[in-house]
N, C-alpha and C. Protein backbone atom coordinates (compact mmCIF):
# COMPACT_ATOMS: atom_id res chain seq x y z
N MET A 1 -102.43 -26.03 -100.35
CA MET A 1 -103.28 -25.89 -99.16
C MET A 1 -104.48 -25.01 -99.55
N SER A 2 -105.69 -25.38 -99.27
CA SER A 2 -106.79 -24.54 -99.48
C SER A 2 -107.58 -24.18 -98.11
N PHE A 3 -108.25 -23.21 -98.19
CA PHE A 3 -109.02 -22.78 -97.10
C PHE A 3 -110.30 -22.13 -97.35
N LEU A 4 -111.36 -22.17 -96.55
CA LEU A 4 -112.53 -21.44 -96.68
C LEU A 4 -112.53 -20.35 -95.44
N ALA A 5 -112.90 -19.24 -95.81
CA ALA A 5 -112.84 -18.15 -94.64
C ALA A 5 -114.28 -17.51 -94.67
N THR A 6 -114.81 -17.22 -93.59
CA THR A 6 -116.14 -16.53 -93.45
C THR A 6 -115.98 -15.65 -92.07
N SER A 7 -116.84 -14.81 -91.88
CA SER A 7 -116.82 -14.08 -90.65
C SER A 7 -118.20 -13.54 -90.22
N ASP A 8 -118.36 -13.15 -89.05
CA ASP A 8 -119.40 -12.45 -88.48
C ASP A 8 -120.76 -13.19 -88.83
N LEU A 9 -120.94 -14.33 -88.51
CA LEU A 9 -122.23 -15.08 -88.75
C LEU A 9 -123.40 -14.62 -87.86
N HIS A 10 -122.91 -14.25 -86.55
CA HIS A 10 -123.93 -13.88 -85.50
C HIS A 10 -125.18 -14.82 -85.51
N ILE A 11 -124.88 -16.04 -85.40
CA ILE A 11 -125.89 -16.99 -85.22
C ILE A 11 -126.70 -16.56 -83.99
N GLY A 12 -127.97 -16.75 -84.02
CA GLY A 12 -128.80 -16.44 -82.85
C GLY A 12 -129.30 -14.92 -82.79
N MET A 13 -129.00 -14.19 -83.84
CA MET A 13 -129.51 -12.78 -83.99
C MET A 13 -131.00 -12.84 -84.13
N LYS A 14 -131.68 -11.95 -83.41
CA LYS A 14 -133.09 -12.07 -83.42
C LYS A 14 -133.91 -11.43 -84.47
N PHE A 15 -133.27 -10.47 -85.20
CA PHE A 15 -133.96 -9.74 -86.25
C PHE A 15 -135.34 -9.13 -85.80
N LYS A 16 -135.21 -8.25 -84.78
CA LYS A 16 -136.21 -7.72 -84.07
C LYS A 16 -137.11 -6.78 -84.95
N ASN A 17 -136.56 -6.25 -86.02
CA ASN A 17 -137.25 -5.38 -86.87
C ASN A 17 -138.21 -6.09 -87.91
N TYR A 18 -138.19 -7.30 -87.78
CA TYR A 18 -139.07 -8.20 -88.73
C TYR A 18 -140.09 -8.85 -88.00
N SER A 19 -141.19 -9.31 -88.73
CA SER A 19 -142.17 -10.24 -88.09
C SER A 19 -141.65 -11.41 -87.47
N GLU A 20 -142.33 -12.16 -86.61
CA GLU A 20 -141.75 -13.35 -86.03
C GLU A 20 -141.61 -14.37 -87.05
N ASN A 21 -142.44 -14.56 -88.01
CA ASN A 21 -142.24 -15.59 -89.02
C ASN A 21 -140.99 -15.26 -89.83
N VAL A 22 -140.82 -14.05 -90.25
CA VAL A 22 -139.61 -13.74 -91.06
C VAL A 22 -138.38 -13.86 -90.26
N SER A 23 -138.50 -13.39 -88.94
CA SER A 23 -137.21 -13.55 -88.15
C SER A 23 -136.90 -15.01 -87.94
N LYS A 24 -137.81 -15.93 -87.78
CA LYS A 24 -137.42 -17.39 -87.70
C LYS A 24 -136.85 -17.84 -88.95
N VAL A 25 -137.25 -17.46 -90.08
CA VAL A 25 -136.80 -17.84 -91.30
C VAL A 25 -135.35 -17.31 -91.51
N LEU A 26 -135.09 -16.07 -91.17
CA LEU A 26 -133.62 -15.57 -91.23
C LEU A 26 -132.89 -16.06 -90.15
N GLN A 27 -133.26 -16.48 -89.07
CA GLN A 27 -132.34 -17.13 -88.02
C GLN A 27 -131.96 -18.55 -88.50
N GLU A 28 -132.87 -19.27 -89.06
CA GLU A 28 -132.63 -20.61 -89.58
C GLU A 28 -131.72 -20.50 -90.78
N ALA A 29 -131.82 -19.49 -91.62
CA ALA A 29 -131.02 -19.34 -92.70
C ALA A 29 -129.40 -19.12 -92.30
N ARG A 30 -129.18 -18.64 -91.29
CA ARG A 30 -127.87 -18.51 -90.77
C ARG A 30 -127.21 -19.90 -90.31
N PHE A 31 -128.05 -20.74 -89.84
CA PHE A 31 -127.55 -22.11 -89.45
C PHE A 31 -127.40 -22.82 -90.85
N LYS A 32 -128.30 -22.76 -91.79
CA LYS A 32 -128.12 -23.35 -93.10
C LYS A 32 -126.90 -22.89 -93.78
N ALA A 33 -126.67 -21.54 -93.78
CA ALA A 33 -125.48 -21.00 -94.40
C ALA A 33 -124.22 -21.69 -93.89
N LEU A 34 -124.24 -21.86 -92.60
CA LEU A 34 -122.98 -22.48 -91.91
C LEU A 34 -122.82 -23.84 -92.31
N GLU A 35 -123.96 -24.58 -92.34
CA GLU A 35 -123.99 -25.95 -92.78
C GLU A 35 -123.45 -26.18 -94.24
N ASN A 36 -123.94 -25.17 -95.03
CA ASN A 36 -123.50 -25.26 -96.56
C ASN A 36 -122.01 -24.93 -96.63
N MET A 37 -121.52 -24.01 -95.89
CA MET A 37 -120.12 -23.67 -95.89
C MET A 37 -119.22 -24.82 -95.40
N VAL A 38 -119.53 -25.54 -94.37
CA VAL A 38 -118.98 -26.78 -93.96
C VAL A 38 -118.93 -27.86 -95.07
N ASN A 39 -120.09 -27.97 -95.61
CA ASN A 39 -120.18 -28.96 -96.68
C ASN A 39 -119.32 -28.64 -97.92
N ILE A 40 -119.20 -27.41 -98.21
CA ILE A 40 -118.41 -27.03 -99.24
C ILE A 40 -116.89 -27.19 -99.00
N ALA A 41 -116.46 -26.81 -97.79
CA ALA A 41 -115.17 -27.01 -97.33
C ALA A 41 -114.79 -28.40 -97.35
N ASN A 42 -115.67 -29.34 -96.93
CA ASN A 42 -115.42 -30.73 -97.02
C ASN A 42 -115.29 -31.28 -98.38
N ASP A 43 -116.30 -30.91 -99.22
CA ASP A 43 -116.30 -31.39 -100.64
C ASP A 43 -114.95 -30.90 -101.39
N ARG A 44 -114.45 -29.78 -101.06
CA ARG A 44 -113.17 -29.22 -101.70
C ARG A 44 -112.01 -29.63 -100.96
N GLY A 45 -112.18 -30.34 -99.92
CA GLY A 45 -110.91 -30.88 -99.20
C GLY A 45 -110.15 -29.66 -98.57
N CYS A 46 -110.80 -28.72 -98.06
CA CYS A 46 -110.05 -27.58 -97.50
C CYS A 46 -109.28 -28.12 -96.24
N SER A 47 -108.03 -27.62 -96.06
CA SER A 47 -107.34 -27.82 -94.98
C SER A 47 -107.73 -27.10 -93.73
N LEU A 48 -108.26 -25.88 -94.08
CA LEU A 48 -108.55 -25.02 -92.86
C LEU A 48 -109.92 -24.40 -93.15
N PHE A 49 -110.75 -24.22 -92.15
CA PHE A 49 -112.10 -23.56 -92.15
C PHE A 49 -112.02 -22.39 -91.16
N LEU A 50 -111.76 -21.12 -91.58
CA LEU A 50 -111.54 -20.02 -90.74
C LEU A 50 -112.94 -19.27 -90.51
N ILE A 51 -113.25 -19.06 -89.36
CA ILE A 51 -114.32 -18.22 -88.87
C ILE A 51 -113.77 -17.07 -88.18
N ALA A 52 -113.64 -15.87 -88.78
CA ALA A 52 -113.24 -14.78 -88.09
C ALA A 52 -114.40 -13.83 -87.61
N GLY A 53 -114.23 -13.18 -86.64
CA GLY A 53 -115.28 -12.31 -86.06
C GLY A 53 -116.28 -13.15 -85.11
N ASP A 54 -117.47 -12.73 -85.08
CA ASP A 54 -118.39 -13.39 -84.23
C ASP A 54 -119.26 -14.56 -84.91
N LEU A 55 -118.99 -15.65 -84.33
CA LEU A 55 -119.82 -16.86 -84.78
C LEU A 55 -121.24 -16.75 -84.15
N PHE A 56 -121.36 -16.35 -82.87
CA PHE A 56 -122.69 -16.30 -82.23
C PHE A 56 -123.01 -14.86 -81.96
N GLU A 57 -124.22 -14.49 -81.91
CA GLU A 57 -124.65 -13.14 -81.50
C GLU A 57 -124.32 -12.97 -79.94
N SER A 58 -124.56 -13.88 -79.22
CA SER A 58 -124.12 -13.71 -77.81
C SER A 58 -123.91 -15.17 -77.23
N ALA A 59 -123.35 -15.19 -76.15
CA ALA A 59 -123.01 -16.55 -75.52
C ALA A 59 -124.19 -17.35 -75.25
N SER A 60 -125.31 -16.73 -74.98
CA SER A 60 -126.50 -17.58 -74.64
C SER A 60 -127.08 -18.13 -76.01
N ASP A 61 -126.51 -17.76 -77.14
CA ASP A 61 -127.10 -18.28 -78.39
C ASP A 61 -126.30 -19.47 -78.94
N THR A 62 -125.53 -20.13 -78.02
CA THR A 62 -124.73 -21.35 -78.53
C THR A 62 -125.66 -22.61 -78.60
N ASN A 63 -126.90 -22.42 -78.09
CA ASN A 63 -127.87 -23.54 -78.25
C ASN A 63 -128.93 -23.17 -79.34
N LYS A 64 -129.09 -23.95 -80.40
CA LYS A 64 -129.99 -23.57 -81.46
C LYS A 64 -131.43 -23.42 -81.00
N ASN A 65 -131.70 -24.19 -79.94
CA ASN A 65 -133.12 -24.32 -79.50
C ASN A 65 -133.54 -23.10 -78.52
N THR A 66 -132.68 -22.30 -78.31
CA THR A 66 -133.00 -20.98 -77.41
C THR A 66 -133.79 -20.00 -78.03
């Protein structure tokens, strides 16, 4: 059995200390990182993909377009 584990992705984090352009790039990078991890888990035939900790920054961040 193999598994991939990650934690505390905090998708939706606003990165308020950065410019708007940089903040958007960093926010998108979190989605891309998750997509890459899912692809790696699938490519390696992982039996389990564990996300420990916070997947989203807040409950209102469950929609990428917010």
